[in-house]
All heavy atoms as atom14 arrays in JSON, in Angstrom:
{
  "sequence": "QAFWDDKRRNLILEIAGRHDLSGNGSDSLGFGAQLQQAVGQHIQL",
  "atom14_mask": [
    [1, 1, 1, 1, 1, 1, 1, 1, 1, 0, 0, 0, 0, 0],
    [1, 1, 1, 1, 1, 0, 0, 0, 0, 0, 0, 0, 0, 0],
    [1, 1, 1, 1, 1, 1, 1, 1, 1, 1, 1, 0, 0, 0],
    [1, 1, 1, 1, 1, 1, 1, 1, 1, 1, 1, 1, 1, 1],
    [1, 1, 1, 1, 1, 1, 1, 1, 0, 0, 0, 0, 0, 0],
    [1, 1, 1, 1, 1, 1, 1, 1, 0, 0, 0, 0, 0, 0],
    [1, 1, 1, 1, 1, 1, 1, 1, 1, 0, 0, 0, 0, 0],
    [1, 1, 1, 1, 1, 1, 1, 1, 1, 1, 1, 0, 0, 0],
    [1, 1, 1, 1, 1, 1, 1, 1, 1, 1, 1, 0, 0, 0],
    [1, 1, 1, 1, 1, 1, 1, 1, 0, 0, 0, 0, 0, 0],
    [1, 1, 1, 1, 1, 1, 1, 1, 0, 0, 0, 0, 0, 0],
    [1, 1, 1, 1, 1, 1, 1, 1, 0, 0, 0, 0, 0, 0],
    [1, 1, 1, 1, 1, 1, 1, 1, 0, 0, 0, 0, 0, 0],
    [1, 1, 1, 1, 1, 1, 1, 1, 1, 0, 0, 0, 0, 0],
    [1, 1, 1, 1, 1, 1, 1, 1, 0, 0, 0, 0, 0, 0],
    [1, 1, 1, 1, 1, 0, 0, 0, 0, 0, 0, 0, 0, 0],
    [1, 1, 1, 1, 0, 0, 0, 0, 0, 0, 0, 0, 0, 0],
    [1, 1, 1, 1, 1, 1, 1, 1, 1, 1, 1, 0, 0, 0],
    [1, 1, 1, 1, 1, 1, 1, 1, 1, 1, 0, 0, 0, 0],
    [1, 1, 1, 1, 1, 1, 1, 1, 0, 0, 0, 0, 0, 0],
    [1, 1, 1, 1, 1, 1, 1, 1, 0, 0, 0, 0, 0, 0],
    [1, 1, 1, 1, 1, 1, 0, 0, 0, 0, 0, 0, 0, 0],
    [1, 1, 1, 1, 0, 0, 0, 0, 0, 0, 0, 0, 0, 0],
    [1, 1, 1, 1, 1, 1, 1, 1, 0, 0, 0, 0, 0, 0],
    [1, 1, 1, 1, 0, 0, 0, 0, 0, 0, 0, 0, 0, 0],
    [1, 1, 1, 1, 1, 1, 0, 0, 0, 0, 0, 0, 0, 0],
    [1, 1, 1, 1, 1, 1, 1, 1, 0, 0, 0, 0, 0, 0],
    [1, 1, 1, 1, 1, 1, 0, 0, 0, 0, 0, 0, 0, 0],
    [1, 1, 1, 1, 1, 1, 1, 1, 0, 0, 0, 0, 0, 0],
    [1, 1, 1, 1, 0, 0, 0, 0, 0, 0, 0, 0, 0, 0],
    [1, 1, 1, 1, 1, 1, 1, 1, 1, 1, 1, 0, 0, 0],
    [1, 1, 1, 1, 0, 0, 0, 0, 0, 0, 0, 0, 0, 0],
    [1, 1, 1, 1, 1, 0, 0, 0, 0, 0, 0, 0, 0, 0],
    [1, 1, 1, 1, 1, 1, 1, 1, 1, 0, 0, 0, 0, 0],
    [1, 1, 1, 1, 1, 1, 1, 1, 0, 0, 0, 0, 0, 0],
    [1, 1, 1, 1, 1, 1, 1, 1, 1, 0, 0, 0, 0, 0],
    [1, 1, 1, 1, 1, 1, 1, 1, 1, 0, 0, 0, 0, 0],
    [1, 1, 1, 1, 1, 0, 0, 0, 0, 0, 0, 0, 0, 0],
    [1, 1, 1, 1, 1, 1, 1, 0, 0, 0, 0, 0, 0, 0],
    [1, 1, 1, 1, 0, 0, 0, 0, 0, 0, 0, 0, 0, 0],
    [1, 1, 1, 1, 1, 1, 1, 1, 1, 0, 0, 0, 0, 0],
    [1, 1, 1, 1, 1, 1, 1, 1, 1, 1, 0, 0, 0, 0],
    [1, 1, 1, 1, 1, 1, 1, 1, 0, 0, 0, 0, 0, 0],
    [1, 1, 1, 1, 1, 1, 1, 1, 1, 0, 0, 0, 0, 0],
    [1, 1, 1, 1, 1, 1, 1, 1, 0, 0, 0, 0, 0, 0]
  ],
  "atom14_positions": [
    [[103.03, 103.02, 90.03], [102.84, 104.42, 89.65], [104.03, 104.87, 88.83], [105.17, 104.82, 89.31], [102.67, 105.32, 90.87], [102.36, 106.77, 90.52], [102.03, 107.62, 91.73], [102.38, 107.28, 92.86], [101.35, 108.73, 91.5], [0.0, 0.0, 0.0], [0.0, 0.0, 0.0], [0.0, 0.0, 0.0], [0.0, 0.0, 0.0], [0.0, 0.0, 0.0]],
    [[103.77, 105.29, 87.62], [104.82, 105.74, 86.69], [104.72, 107.24, 86.48], [103.62, 107.81, 86.5], [104.7, 105.0, 85.36], [0.0, 0.0, 0.0], [0.0, 0.0, 0.0], [0.0, 0.0, 0.0], [0.0, 0.0, 0.0], [0.0, 0.0, 0.0], [0.0, 0.0, 0.0], [0.0, 0.0, 0.0], [0.0, 0.0, 0.0], [0.0, 0.0, 0.0]],
    [[105.87, 107.89, 86.26], [105.93, 109.34, 86.1], [106.6, 109.69, 84.78], [107.59, 109.06, 84.38], [106.72, 109.99, 87.25], [106.1, 109.79, 88.6], [106.48, 108.71, 89.39], [105.16, 110.68, 89.09], [105.92, 108.52, 90.65], [104.6, 110.5, 90.34], [104.97, 109.42, 91.11], [0.0, 0.0, 0.0], [0.0, 0.0, 0.0], [0.0, 0.0, 0.0]],
    [[106.07, 110.71, 84.13], [106.65, 111.25, 82.91], [106.62, 112.78, 82.98], [105.97, 113.37, 83.86], [105.84, 110.82, 81.68], [105.83, 109.35, 81.4], [106.73, 108.62, 80.67], [104.83, 108.41, 81.84], [106.36, 107.3, 80.64], [105.21, 107.14, 81.34], [103.68, 108.52, 82.6], [104.47, 105.99, 81.57], [102.94, 107.38, 82.85], [103.32, 106.13, 82.33]],
    [[107.33, 113.39, 82.02], [107.24, 114.85, 81.82], [107.56, 115.61, 83.11], [106.81, 116.47, 83.55], [105.84, 115.21, 81.32], [105.77, 116.65, 80.79], [106.82, 117.23, 80.5], [104.64, 117.17, 80.7], [0.0, 0.0, 0.0], [0.0, 0.0, 0.0], [0.0, 0.0, 0.0], [0.0, 0.0, 0.0], [0.0, 0.0, 0.0], [0.0, 0.0, 0.0]],
    [[108.69, 115.27, 83.76], [109.1, 115.91, 85.01], [108.0, 115.8, 86.06], [107.72, 116.76, 86.79], [109.48, 117.37, 84.78], [110.75, 117.51, 83.96], [111.62, 116.62, 84.08], [110.89, 118.5, 83.22], [0.0, 0.0, 0.0], [0.0, 0.0, 0.0], [0.0, 0.0, 0.0], [0.0, 0.0, 0.0], [0.0, 0.0, 0.0], [0.0, 0.0, 0.0]],
    [[107.35, 114.64, 86.12], [106.3, 114.32, 87.1], [105.02, 115.14, 86.91], [104.19, 115.19, 87.8], [106.82, 114.5, 88.52], [107.95, 113.55, 88.88], [108.35, 113.66, 90.33], [109.45, 112.65, 90.65], [109.86, 112.72, 92.07], [0.0, 0.0, 0.0], [0.0, 0.0, 0.0], [0.0, 0.0, 0.0], [0.0, 0.0, 0.0], [0.0, 0.0, 0.0]],
    [[104.86, 115.73, 85.74], [103.6, 116.43, 85.45], [102.54, 115.46, 84.93], [101.38, 115.82, 84.81], [103.83, 117.55, 84.43], [104.67, 118.69, 84.98], [104.98, 119.73, 83.9], [103.79, 120.31, 83.34], [103.1, 121.31, 83.88], [103.48, 121.82, 85.05], [102.03, 121.8, 83.29], [0.0, 0.0, 0.0], [0.0, 0.0, 0.0], [0.0, 0.0, 0.0]],
    [[102.94, 114.25, 84.63], [101.99, 113.21, 84.22], [102.33, 111.93, 84.97], [103.51, 111.56, 85.08], [102.06, 112.98, 82.71], [101.1, 111.88, 82.23], [101.01, 111.85, 80.71], [102.25, 111.47, 80.06], [103.07, 112.28, 79.43], [102.78, 113.58, 79.37], [104.17, 111.85, 78.85], [0.0, 0.0, 0.0], [0.0, 0.0, 0.0], [0.0, 0.0, 0.0]],
    [[101.31, 111.27, 85.51], [101.55, 110.01, 86.2], [100.39, 109.05, 85.94], [99.26, 109.47, 85.7], [101.76, 110.23, 87.7], [100.48, 110.52, 88.45], [99.77, 109.61, 88.89], [100.15, 111.8, 88.6], [0.0, 0.0, 0.0], [0.0, 0.0, 0.0], [0.0, 0.0, 0.0], [0.0, 0.0, 0.0], [0.0, 0.0, 0.0], [0.0, 0.0, 0.0]],
    [[100.73, 107.78, 86.0], [99.75, 106.71, 85.75], [99.85, 105.68, 86.87], [100.96, 105.26, 87.23], [100.02, 106.04, 84.4], [99.22, 104.77, 84.08], [97.75, 105.1, 83.89], [99.79, 104.06, 82.85], [0.0, 0.0, 0.0], [0.0, 0.0, 0.0], [0.0, 0.0, 0.0], [0.0, 0.0, 0.0], [0.0, 0.0, 0.0], [0.0, 0.0, 0.0]],
    [[98.69, 105.3, 87.43], [98.63, 104.24, 88.44], [97.85, 103.07, 87.86], [96.74, 103.24, 87.37], [97.95, 104.74, 89.73], [98.76, 105.87, 90.37], [97.81, 103.59, 90.72], [98.1, 106.45, 91.61], [0.0, 0.0, 0.0], [0.0, 0.0, 0.0], [0.0, 0.0, 0.0], [0.0, 0.0, 0.0], [0.0, 0.0, 0.0], [0.0, 0.0, 0.0]],
    [[98.44, 101.88, 87.92], [97.78, 100.63, 87.56], [97.67, 99.8, 88.83], [98.67, 99.62, 89.54], [98.56, 99.89, 86.49], [98.81, 100.64, 85.18], [99.73, 99.83, 84.27], [97.5, 100.95, 84.48], [0.0, 0.0, 0.0], [0.0, 0.0, 0.0], [0.0, 0.0, 0.0], [0.0, 0.0, 0.0], [0.0, 0.0, 0.0], [0.0, 0.0, 0.0]],
    [[96.49, 99.26, 89.12], [96.29, 98.59, 90.41], [95.38, 97.38, 90.27], [94.42, 97.38, 89.5], [95.71, 99.58, 91.42], [95.53, 99.0, 92.82], [95.01, 100.03, 93.81], [95.82, 100.89, 94.23], [93.82, 100.0, 94.14], [0.0, 0.0, 0.0], [0.0, 0.0, 0.0], [0.0, 0.0, 0.0], [0.0, 0.0, 0.0], [0.0, 0.0, 0.0]],
    [[95.72, 96.35, 91.06], [94.86, 95.18, 91.26], [94.59, 95.1, 92.75], [95.51, 95.2, 93.56], [95.54, 93.88, 90.77], [95.93, 93.99, 89.3], [94.62, 92.69, 91.0], [96.74, 92.8, 88.81], [0.0, 0.0, 0.0], [0.0, 0.0, 0.0], [0.0, 0.0, 0.0], [0.0, 0.0, 0.0], [0.0, 0.0, 0.0], [0.0, 0.0, 0.0]],
    [[93.33, 94.93, 93.13], [92.97, 94.91, 94.54], [91.85, 93.92, 94.78], [91.08, 93.58, 93.87], [92.55, 96.31, 95.01], [0.0, 0.0, 0.0], [0.0, 0.0, 0.0], [0.0, 0.0, 0.0], [0.0, 0.0, 0.0], [0.0, 0.0, 0.0], [0.0, 0.0, 0.0], [0.0, 0.0, 0.0], [0.0, 0.0, 0.0], [0.0, 0.0, 0.0]],
    [[91.74, 93.47, 96.03], [90.67, 92.54, 96.37], [90.46, 92.46, 97.86], [91.3, 92.88, 98.66], [0.0, 0.0, 0.0], [0.0, 0.0, 0.0], [0.0, 0.0, 0.0], [0.0, 0.0, 0.0], [0.0, 0.0, 0.0], [0.0, 0.0, 0.0], [0.0, 0.0, 0.0], [0.0, 0.0, 0.0], [0.0, 0.0, 0.0], [0.0, 0.0, 0.0]],
    [[89.32, 91.92, 98.23], [89.0, 91.68, 99.63], [88.23, 90.37, 99.74], [87.43, 90.03, 98.85], [88.22, 92.83, 100.26], [86.89, 93.15, 99.6], [86.13, 94.2, 100.39], [85.51, 93.66, 101.59], [85.18, 94.38, 102.64], [85.43, 95.68, 102.65], [84.6, 93.83, 103.7], [0.0, 0.0, 0.0], [0.0, 0.0, 0.0], [0.0, 0.0, 0.0]],
    [[88.48, 89.66, 100.83], [87.82, 88.37, 101.07], [87.2, 88.4, 102.45], [87.85, 88.75, 103.44], [88.83, 87.22, 100.97], [88.3, 85.91, 101.44], [87.22, 85.29, 100.84], [88.66, 85.09, 102.47], [86.96, 84.15, 101.46], [87.82, 84.01, 102.47], [0.0, 0.0, 0.0], [0.0, 0.0, 0.0], [0.0, 0.0, 0.0], [0.0, 0.0, 0.0]],
    [[85.92, 88.03, 102.5], [85.2, 88.03, 103.76], [85.53, 86.76, 104.54], [85.46, 85.65, 104.02], [83.69, 88.1, 103.48], [82.87, 87.88, 104.73], [82.98, 88.7, 105.65], [82.13, 86.87, 104.78], [0.0, 0.0, 0.0], [0.0, 0.0, 0.0], [0.0, 0.0, 0.0], [0.0, 0.0, 0.0], [0.0, 0.0, 0.0], [0.0, 0.0, 0.0]],
    [[85.9, 86.93, 105.81], [86.26, 85.81, 106.67], [85.11, 85.36, 107.56], [85.19, 84.3, 108.17], [87.47, 86.17, 107.55], [88.76, 86.5, 106.82], [89.82, 86.97, 107.82], [89.27, 85.3, 106.04], [0.0, 0.0, 0.0], [0.0, 0.0, 0.0], [0.0, 0.0, 0.0], [0.0, 0.0, 0.0], [0.0, 0.0, 0.0], [0.0, 0.0, 0.0]],
    [[84.07, 86.17, 107.65], [82.99, 85.88, 108.59], [81.9, 85.0, 107.98], [81.09, 84.42, 108.7], [82.36, 87.18, 109.07], [81.7, 87.85, 108.01], [0.0, 0.0, 0.0], [0.0, 0.0, 0.0], [0.0, 0.0, 0.0], [0.0, 0.0, 0.0], [0.0, 0.0, 0.0], [0.0, 0.0, 0.0], [0.0, 0.0, 0.0], [0.0, 0.0, 0.0]],
    [[81.84, 84.93, 106.67], [80.78, 84.19, 106.01], [79.51, 84.98, 105.79], [78.54, 84.45, 105.25], [0.0, 0.0, 0.0], [0.0, 0.0, 0.0], [0.0, 0.0, 0.0], [0.0, 0.0, 0.0], [0.0, 0.0, 0.0], [0.0, 0.0, 0.0], [0.0, 0.0, 0.0], [0.0, 0.0, 0.0], [0.0, 0.0, 0.0], [0.0, 0.0, 0.0]],
    [[79.53, 86.26, 106.18], [78.32, 87.08, 106.04], [78.44, 88.13, 104.94], [77.48, 88.82, 104.65], [78.03, 87.79, 107.37], [77.76, 86.82, 108.5], [77.12, 85.8, 108.3], [78.29, 87.14, 109.69], [0.0, 0.0, 0.0], [0.0, 0.0, 0.0], [0.0, 0.0, 0.0], [0.0, 0.0, 0.0], [0.0, 0.0, 0.0], [0.0, 0.0, 0.0]],
    [[79.63, 88.28, 104.37], [79.84, 89.34, 103.4], [80.08, 88.81, 102.01], [79.79, 87.65, 101.69], [0.0, 0.0, 0.0], [0.0, 0.0, 0.0], [0.0, 0.0, 0.0], [0.0, 0.0, 0.0], [0.0, 0.0, 0.0], [0.0, 0.0, 0.0], [0.0, 0.0, 0.0], [0.0, 0.0, 0.0], [0.0, 0.0, 0.0], [0.0, 0.0, 0.0]],
    [[80.65, 89.65, 101.16], [80.89, 89.33, 99.77], [82.34, 89.59, 99.42], [82.97, 90.49, 99.97], [79.97, 90.16, 98.86], [80.24, 89.92, 97.5], [0.0, 0.0, 0.0], [0.0, 0.0, 0.0], [0.0, 0.0, 0.0], [0.0, 0.0, 0.0], [0.0, 0.0, 0.0], [0.0, 0.0, 0.0], [0.0, 0.0, 0.0], [0.0, 0.0, 0.0]],
    [[82.87, 88.79, 98.49], [84.25, 88.95, 98.04], [84.28, 89.74, 96.74], [83.35, 89.67, 95.93], [84.91, 87.59, 97.82], [84.87, 86.72, 99.07], [84.87, 87.31, 100.17], [84.84, 85.49, 98.94], [0.0, 0.0, 0.0], [0.0, 0.0, 0.0], [0.0, 0.0, 0.0], [0.0, 0.0, 0.0], [0.0, 0.0, 0.0], [0.0, 0.0, 0.0]],
    [[85.38, 90.46, 96.54], [85.52, 91.28, 95.34], [86.96, 91.27, 94.86], [87.9, 91.2, 95.68], [85.09, 92.73, 95.59], [83.72, 92.81, 95.93], [0.0, 0.0, 0.0], [0.0, 0.0, 0.0], [0.0, 0.0, 0.0], [0.0, 0.0, 0.0], [0.0, 0.0, 0.0], [0.0, 0.0, 0.0], [0.0, 0.0, 0.0], [0.0, 0.0, 0.0]],
    [[87.13, 91.33, 93.56], [88.44, 91.47, 92.93], [88.32, 92.56, 91.89], [87.4, 92.54, 91.05], [88.88, 90.15, 92.28], [90.23, 90.15, 91.58], [91.36, 90.35, 92.59], [90.44, 88.84, 90.81], [0.0, 0.0, 0.0], [0.0, 0.0, 0.0], [0.0, 0.0, 0.0], [0.0, 0.0, 0.0], [0.0, 0.0, 0.0], [0.0, 0.0, 0.0]],
    [[89.23, 93.55, 91.93], [89.09, 94.7, 91.05], [90.37, 95.06, 90.33], [91.47, 94.75, 90.78], [0.0, 0.0, 0.0], [0.0, 0.0, 0.0], [0.0, 0.0, 0.0], [0.0, 0.0, 0.0], [0.0, 0.0, 0.0], [0.0, 0.0, 0.0], [0.0, 0.0, 0.0], [0.0, 0.0, 0.0], [0.0, 0.0, 0.0], [0.0, 0.0, 0.0]],
    [[90.18, 95.74, 89.19], [91.29, 96.24, 88.38], [91.01, 97.71, 88.1], [89.91, 98.07, 87.68], [91.4, 95.46, 87.06], [91.46, 93.97, 87.24], [90.27, 93.23, 87.33], [92.67, 93.32, 87.33], [90.3, 91.86, 87.5], [92.7, 91.94, 87.5], [91.53, 91.21, 87.58], [0.0, 0.0, 0.0], [0.0, 0.0, 0.0], [0.0, 0.0, 0.0]],
    [[92.02, 98.57, 88.33], [91.79, 100.0, 88.16], [92.98, 100.71, 87.56], [94.12, 100.23, 87.64], [0.0, 0.0, 0.0], [0.0, 0.0, 0.0], [0.0, 0.0, 0.0], [0.0, 0.0, 0.0], [0.0, 0.0, 0.0], [0.0, 0.0, 0.0], [0.0, 0.0, 0.0], [0.0, 0.0, 0.0], [0.0, 0.0, 0.0], [0.0, 0.0, 0.0]],
    [[92.72, 101.86, 86.98], [93.78, 102.69, 86.4], [93.4, 104.14, 86.61], [92.23, 104.52, 86.56], [93.96, 102.41, 84.91], [0.0, 0.0, 0.0], [0.0, 0.0, 0.0], [0.0, 0.0, 0.0], [0.0, 0.0, 0.0], [0.0, 0.0, 0.0], [0.0, 0.0, 0.0], [0.0, 0.0, 0.0], [0.0, 0.0, 0.0], [0.0, 0.0, 0.0]],
    [[94.43, 104.97, 86.86], [94.24, 106.41, 87.04], [95.36, 107.16, 86.34], [96.54, 106.88, 86.58], [94.22, 106.78, 88.52], [94.03, 108.27, 88.79], [94.24, 108.62, 90.25], [95.36, 108.82, 90.71], [93.15, 108.7, 90.99], [0.0, 0.0, 0.0], [0.0, 0.0, 0.0], [0.0, 0.0, 0.0], [0.0, 0.0, 0.0], [0.0, 0.0, 0.0]],
    [[95.0, 108.1, 85.48], [95.96, 108.93, 84.76], [95.73, 110.39, 85.13], [94.6, 110.87, 85.08], [95.8, 108.75, 83.25], [96.67, 109.64, 82.36], [98.15, 109.32, 82.53], [96.25, 109.53, 80.89], [0.0, 0.0, 0.0], [0.0, 0.0, 0.0], [0.0, 0.0, 0.0], [0.0, 0.0, 0.0], [0.0, 0.0, 0.0], [0.0, 0.0, 0.0]],
    [[96.81, 111.09, 85.53], [96.73, 112.51, 85.87], [97.73, 113.29, 85.03], [98.87, 112.84, 84.84], [97.0, 112.73, 87.35], [95.93, 112.16, 88.26], [96.21, 112.4, 89.73], [97.34, 112.23, 90.19], [95.2, 112.8, 90.48], [0.0, 0.0, 0.0], [0.0, 0.0, 0.0], [0.0, 0.0, 0.0], [0.0, 0.0, 0.0], [0.0, 0.0, 0.0]],
    [[97.31, 114.46, 84.56], [98.15, 115.3, 83.72], [97.99, 116.76, 84.14], [96.87, 117.28, 84.18], [97.77, 115.15, 82.25], [98.47, 116.11, 81.31], [99.95, 115.82, 81.17], [100.34, 114.74, 80.76], [100.79, 116.8, 81.51], [0.0, 0.0, 0.0], [0.0, 0.0, 0.0], [0.0, 0.0, 0.0], [0.0, 0.0, 0.0], [0.0, 0.0, 0.0]],
    [[99.12, 117.4, 84.46], [99.1, 118.83, 84.75], [99.15, 119.61, 83.45], [99.89, 119.27, 82.53], [100.29, 119.21, 85.63], [0.0, 0.0, 0.0], [0.0, 0.0, 0.0], [0.0, 0.0, 0.0], [0.0, 0.0, 0.0], [0.0, 0.0, 0.0], [0.0, 0.0, 0.0], [0.0, 0.0, 0.0], [0.0, 0.0, 0.0], [0.0, 0.0, 0.0]],
    [[98.35, 120.68, 83.38], [98.3, 121.55, 82.21], [98.56, 122.98, 82.69], [97.76, 123.53, 83.45], [96.95, 121.47, 81.49], [96.93, 122.39, 80.28], [96.65, 120.03, 81.09], [0.0, 0.0, 0.0], [0.0, 0.0, 0.0], [0.0, 0.0, 0.0], [0.0, 0.0, 0.0], [0.0, 0.0, 0.0], [0.0, 0.0, 0.0], [0.0, 0.0, 0.0]],
    [[99.66, 123.55, 82.27], [100.0, 124.89, 82.74], [100.28, 124.88, 84.23], [100.78, 123.91, 84.8], [0.0, 0.0, 0.0], [0.0, 0.0, 0.0], [0.0, 0.0, 0.0], [0.0, 0.0, 0.0], [0.0, 0.0, 0.0], [0.0, 0.0, 0.0], [0.0, 0.0, 0.0], [0.0, 0.0, 0.0], [0.0, 0.0, 0.0], [0.0, 0.0, 0.0]],
    [[99.91, 125.97, 84.91], [100.17, 126.12, 86.33], [98.91, 126.01, 87.19], [99.01, 126.07, 88.41], [100.84, 127.47, 86.6], [102.24, 127.59, 86.01], [102.86, 128.94, 86.29], [102.21, 129.98, 86.15], [104.11, 128.94, 86.7], [0.0, 0.0, 0.0], [0.0, 0.0, 0.0], [0.0, 0.0, 0.0], [0.0, 0.0, 0.0], [0.0, 0.0, 0.0]],
    [[97.74, 125.85, 86.57], [96.51, 125.89, 87.35], [95.57, 124.71, 87.11], [94.59, 124.56, 87.83], [95.72, 127.17, 87.04], [96.46, 128.44, 87.36], [96.57, 128.93, 88.64], [97.13, 129.3, 86.56], [97.26, 130.05, 88.63], [97.62, 130.3, 87.38], [0.0, 0.0, 0.0], [0.0, 0.0, 0.0], [0.0, 0.0, 0.0], [0.0, 0.0, 0.0]],
    [[95.85, 123.86, 86.13], [94.89, 122.85, 85.71], [95.47, 121.45, 85.86], [96.64, 121.21, 85.56], [94.45, 123.09, 84.25], [93.72, 124.43, 84.12], [93.57, 121.96, 83.75], [93.42, 124.82, 82.7], [0.0, 0.0, 0.0], [0.0, 0.0, 0.0], [0.0, 0.0, 0.0], [0.0, 0.0, 0.0], [0.0, 0.0, 0.0], [0.0, 0.0, 0.0]],
    [[94.64, 120.53, 86.34], [95.0, 119.11, 86.38], [93.85, 118.3, 85.81], [92.69, 118.48, 86.2], [95.3, 118.64, 87.8], [95.58, 117.15, 87.89], [95.93, 116.69, 89.29], [97.03, 116.88, 89.75], [94.97, 116.09, 89.97], [0.0, 0.0, 0.0], [0.0, 0.0, 0.0], [0.0, 0.0, 0.0], [0.0, 0.0, 0.0], [0.0, 0.0, 0.0]],
    [[94.16, 117.41, 84.89], [93.19, 116.51, 84.29], [93.37, 115.12, 84.9], [94.5, 114.65, 85.05], [93.36, 116.44, 82.77], [93.29, 117.77, 82.02], [93.52, 117.53, 80.53], [91.96, 118.46, 82.25], [0.0, 0.0, 0.0], [0.0, 0.0, 0.0], [0.0, 0.0, 0.0], [0.0, 0.0, 0.0], [0.0, 0.0, 0.0], [0.0, 0.0, 0.0]]
  ]
}
């Protein structure tokens, strides 16, 4: 998680996964990103 603009903007980059140990489920590997930006005193994008 990175911060800019006095923490009014932040970015999260993530890699995640899960592996089934029981043999009955499914495995997944994912890549995600989230960007948040404050605008003024009342708005967040």
